[in-house]
């Protein structure tokens, strides 16, 4: 994996805001800081994603729901 790609993760890239769109094809998960209040976490592994959602419960907002509420 090209570690230089890590610095390319940016909330300014429109693909960050699209569910199931990963900026680094080799990644298992991507974490992109949006601001001091939000972080975008994308998983390719559904089981791991479900564990994350179960642990963080109401704090884990679906990206589609976030986009509808805040980004349009």
N, C-alpha and C. Protein backbone atom coordinates (compact mmCIF):
# COMPACT_ATOMS: atom_id res chain seq x y z
N UNK A 1 0.83 -1.17 0.00
CA UNK A 1 0.00 0.00 0.00
C UNK A 1 0.88 1.24 0.00
N UNK A 2 0.48 2.22 -0.75
CA UNK A 2 1.19 3.49 -0.84
C UNK A 2 0.79 4.37 0.34
N UNK A 3 1.68 4.53 1.30
CA UNK A 3 1.36 5.30 2.50
C UNK A 3 1.14 6.78 2.20
N UNK A 4 1.58 7.26 1.06
CA UNK A 4 1.34 8.66 0.69
C UNK A 4 -0.15 8.92 0.46
N UNK A 5 -0.92 7.89 0.16
CA UNK A 5 -2.35 8.06 -0.05
C UNK A 5 -3.08 8.48 1.21
N UNK A 6 -2.52 8.12 2.36
CA UNK A 6 -3.16 8.44 3.63
C UNK A 6 -3.36 9.95 3.77
N UNK A 7 -2.39 10.73 3.34
CA UNK A 7 -2.51 12.18 3.47
C UNK A 7 -3.54 12.75 2.50
N UNK A 8 -4.02 11.95 1.55
CA UNK A 8 -5.02 12.42 0.59
C UNK A 8 -6.44 12.30 1.12
N UNK A 9 -6.65 11.66 2.27
CA UNK A 9 -7.98 11.57 2.84
C UNK A 9 -8.39 12.95 3.32
N UNK A 10 -9.42 13.50 2.71
CA UNK A 10 -9.84 14.85 3.04
C UNK A 10 -11.34 14.97 2.93
N UNK A 11 -11.96 15.69 3.86
CA UNK A 11 -13.40 15.93 3.80
C UNK A 11 -13.75 16.81 2.62
N UNK A 12 -12.76 17.40 1.97
CA UNK A 12 -13.01 18.22 0.79
C UNK A 12 -13.21 17.38 -0.47
N UNK A 13 -12.81 16.12 -0.43
CA UNK A 13 -13.02 15.22 -1.57
C UNK A 13 -14.47 14.74 -1.51
N UNK A 14 -15.23 14.96 -2.55
CA UNK A 14 -16.66 14.61 -2.55
C UNK A 14 -16.90 13.12 -2.35
N UNK A 15 -15.96 12.27 -2.70
CA UNK A 15 -16.14 10.83 -2.52
C UNK A 15 -16.14 10.41 -1.06
N UNK A 16 -15.56 11.23 -0.19
CA UNK A 16 -15.59 10.94 1.24
C UNK A 16 -17.03 10.91 1.73
N UNK A 17 -17.88 11.71 1.14
CA UNK A 17 -19.27 11.84 1.58
C UNK A 17 -20.19 10.80 0.95
N UNK A 18 -19.67 9.95 0.09
CA UNK A 18 -20.47 8.91 -0.55
C UNK A 18 -20.26 7.56 0.17
N UNK A 19 -21.35 6.98 0.65
CA UNK A 19 -21.22 5.65 1.28
C UNK A 19 -20.63 4.65 0.27
N UNK A 20 -19.85 3.74 0.77
CA UNK A 20 -19.24 2.68 -0.04
C UNK A 20 -18.26 3.18 -1.09
N UNK A 21 -17.83 4.40 -0.98
CA UNK A 21 -16.77 4.93 -1.85
C UNK A 21 -15.53 5.08 -0.98
N UNK A 22 -14.49 4.36 -1.34
CA UNK A 22 -13.25 4.41 -0.56
C UNK A 22 -12.16 5.08 -1.39
N UNK A 23 -11.42 5.97 -0.77
CA UNK A 23 -10.38 6.69 -1.47
C UNK A 23 -9.11 5.86 -1.63
N UNK A 24 -8.94 4.88 -0.76
CA UNK A 24 -7.79 3.99 -0.84
C UNK A 24 -8.34 2.58 -1.03
N UNK A 25 -8.21 2.05 -2.23
CA UNK A 25 -8.87 0.78 -2.56
C UNK A 25 -8.38 -0.38 -1.71
N UNK A 26 -7.16 -0.32 -1.21
CA UNK A 26 -6.61 -1.41 -0.40
C UNK A 26 -7.03 -1.35 1.07
N UNK A 27 -7.70 -0.28 1.47
CA UNK A 27 -8.02 -0.09 2.89
C UNK A 27 -9.12 -1.03 3.35
N UNK A 28 -9.10 -1.36 4.64
CA UNK A 28 -10.17 -2.10 5.28
C UNK A 28 -11.15 -1.14 5.92
N UNK A 29 -10.61 -0.01 6.34
CA UNK A 29 -11.43 1.06 6.87
C UNK A 29 -10.73 2.38 6.60
N UNK A 30 -11.53 3.44 6.53
CA UNK A 30 -10.98 4.77 6.32
C UNK A 30 -11.55 5.69 7.39
N UNK A 31 -10.70 6.52 7.95
CA UNK A 31 -11.10 7.48 8.96
C UNK A 31 -10.72 8.86 8.45
N UNK A 32 -11.72 9.73 8.32
CA UNK A 32 -11.49 11.08 7.82
C UNK A 32 -12.07 12.06 8.82
N UNK A 33 -11.24 12.94 9.35
CA UNK A 33 -11.72 13.97 10.28
C UNK A 33 -12.41 15.06 9.48
N UNK A 34 -13.64 15.39 9.88
CA UNK A 34 -14.39 16.45 9.21
C UNK A 34 -14.18 17.78 9.94
N UNK A 35 -14.40 17.79 11.22
CA UNK A 35 -14.13 18.96 12.05
C UNK A 35 -13.97 18.46 13.48
N UNK A 36 -14.03 19.34 14.43
CA UNK A 36 -13.82 18.91 15.81
C UNK A 36 -14.99 18.11 16.36
N UNK A 37 -16.10 18.06 15.62
CA UNK A 37 -17.27 17.35 16.11
C UNK A 37 -17.60 16.07 15.39
N UNK A 38 -17.06 15.87 14.18
CA UNK A 38 -17.43 14.71 13.38
C UNK A 38 -16.21 14.04 12.78
N UNK A 39 -16.30 12.74 12.67
CA UNK A 39 -15.29 11.93 12.01
C UNK A 39 -16.02 10.92 11.14
N UNK A 40 -15.60 10.81 9.89
CA UNK A 40 -16.20 9.84 8.98
C UNK A 40 -15.39 8.55 9.06
N UNK A 41 -16.08 7.47 9.41
CA UNK A 41 -15.44 6.15 9.51
C UNK A 41 -16.17 5.22 8.55
N UNK A 42 -15.43 4.67 7.59
CA UNK A 42 -16.01 3.76 6.61
C UNK A 42 -15.33 2.40 6.72
N UNK A 43 -16.15 1.37 6.77
CA UNK A 43 -15.66 0.00 6.86
C UNK A 43 -16.00 -0.76 5.59
N UNK A 44 -15.13 -1.64 5.16
CA UNK A 44 -15.47 -2.57 4.10
C UNK A 44 -16.04 -3.86 4.69
N UNK A 45 -15.72 -4.13 5.93
CA UNK A 45 -16.19 -5.33 6.62
C UNK A 45 -17.48 -4.99 7.37
N UNK A 46 -18.60 -5.55 6.94
CA UNK A 46 -19.92 -5.27 7.53
C UNK A 46 -19.98 -5.66 8.99
N UNK A 47 -19.35 -6.78 9.35
CA UNK A 47 -19.36 -7.24 10.74
C UNK A 47 -18.65 -6.23 11.65
N UNK A 48 -17.52 -5.73 11.20
CA UNK A 48 -16.78 -4.73 11.97
C UNK A 48 -17.59 -3.43 12.06
N UNK A 49 -18.23 -3.06 10.97
CA UNK A 49 -19.08 -1.87 10.96
C UNK A 49 -20.22 -2.00 11.98
N UNK A 50 -20.84 -3.15 12.02
CA UNK A 50 -21.93 -3.38 12.98
C UNK A 50 -21.45 -3.32 14.42
N UNK A 51 -20.26 -3.85 14.69
CA UNK A 51 -19.68 -3.77 16.04
C UNK A 51 -19.43 -2.32 16.43
N UNK A 52 -18.91 -1.54 15.50
CA UNK A 52 -18.66 -0.12 15.74
C UNK A 52 -19.97 0.60 16.07
N UNK A 53 -20.99 0.35 15.26
CA UNK A 53 -22.30 0.98 15.48
C UNK A 53 -22.90 0.57 16.82
N UNK A 54 -22.76 -0.70 17.17
CA UNK A 54 -23.30 -1.19 18.44
C UNK A 54 -22.59 -0.53 19.62
N UNK A 55 -21.29 -0.35 19.50
CA UNK A 55 -20.52 0.25 20.60
C UNK A 55 -20.86 1.73 20.77
N UNK A 56 -20.92 2.47 19.65
CA UNK A 56 -21.13 3.91 19.73
C UNK A 56 -22.61 4.30 19.66
N UNK A 57 -23.49 3.37 19.37
CA UNK A 57 -24.94 3.52 19.36
C UNK A 57 -25.39 4.81 18.69
N UNK A 58 -26.01 5.72 19.42
CA UNK A 58 -26.56 6.95 18.84
C UNK A 58 -25.51 7.89 18.29
N UNK A 59 -24.27 7.73 18.69
CA UNK A 59 -23.21 8.61 18.19
C UNK A 59 -22.77 8.21 16.79
N UNK A 60 -23.05 6.98 16.38
CA UNK A 60 -22.69 6.49 15.05
C UNK A 60 -23.85 6.79 14.10
N UNK A 61 -23.72 7.87 13.36
CA UNK A 61 -24.78 8.30 12.45
C UNK A 61 -24.48 7.77 11.05
N UNK A 62 -25.47 7.17 10.42
CA UNK A 62 -25.33 6.69 9.05
C UNK A 62 -24.96 7.86 8.14
N UNK A 63 -24.02 7.65 7.25
CA UNK A 63 -23.53 8.74 6.38
C UNK A 63 -24.64 9.31 5.50
N UNK A 64 -25.53 8.46 5.01
CA UNK A 64 -26.66 8.96 4.21
C UNK A 64 -27.54 9.89 5.04
N UNK A 65 -27.82 9.50 6.27
CA UNK A 65 -28.66 10.32 7.16
C UNK A 65 -27.96 11.64 7.49
N UNK A 66 -26.67 11.58 7.74
CA UNK A 66 -25.91 12.80 8.02
C UNK A 66 -25.98 13.74 6.82
N UNK A 67 -25.78 13.20 5.64
CA UNK A 67 -25.81 14.02 4.42
C UNK A 67 -27.17 14.69 4.24
N UNK A 68 -28.24 13.94 4.45
CA UNK A 68 -29.59 14.50 4.31
C UNK A 68 -29.82 15.65 5.29
N UNK A 69 -29.33 15.47 6.50
CA UNK A 69 -29.60 16.43 7.57
C UNK A 69 -28.70 17.67 7.51
N UNK A 70 -27.42 17.47 7.17
CA UNK A 70 -26.46 18.56 7.31
C UNK A 70 -25.81 19.07 6.02
N UNK A 71 -25.77 18.23 5.00
CA UNK A 71 -24.94 18.60 3.85
C UNK A 71 -25.71 19.14 2.64
N UNK A 72 -26.99 19.09 2.64
CA UNK A 72 -27.74 19.56 1.46
C UNK A 72 -28.33 20.89 1.68
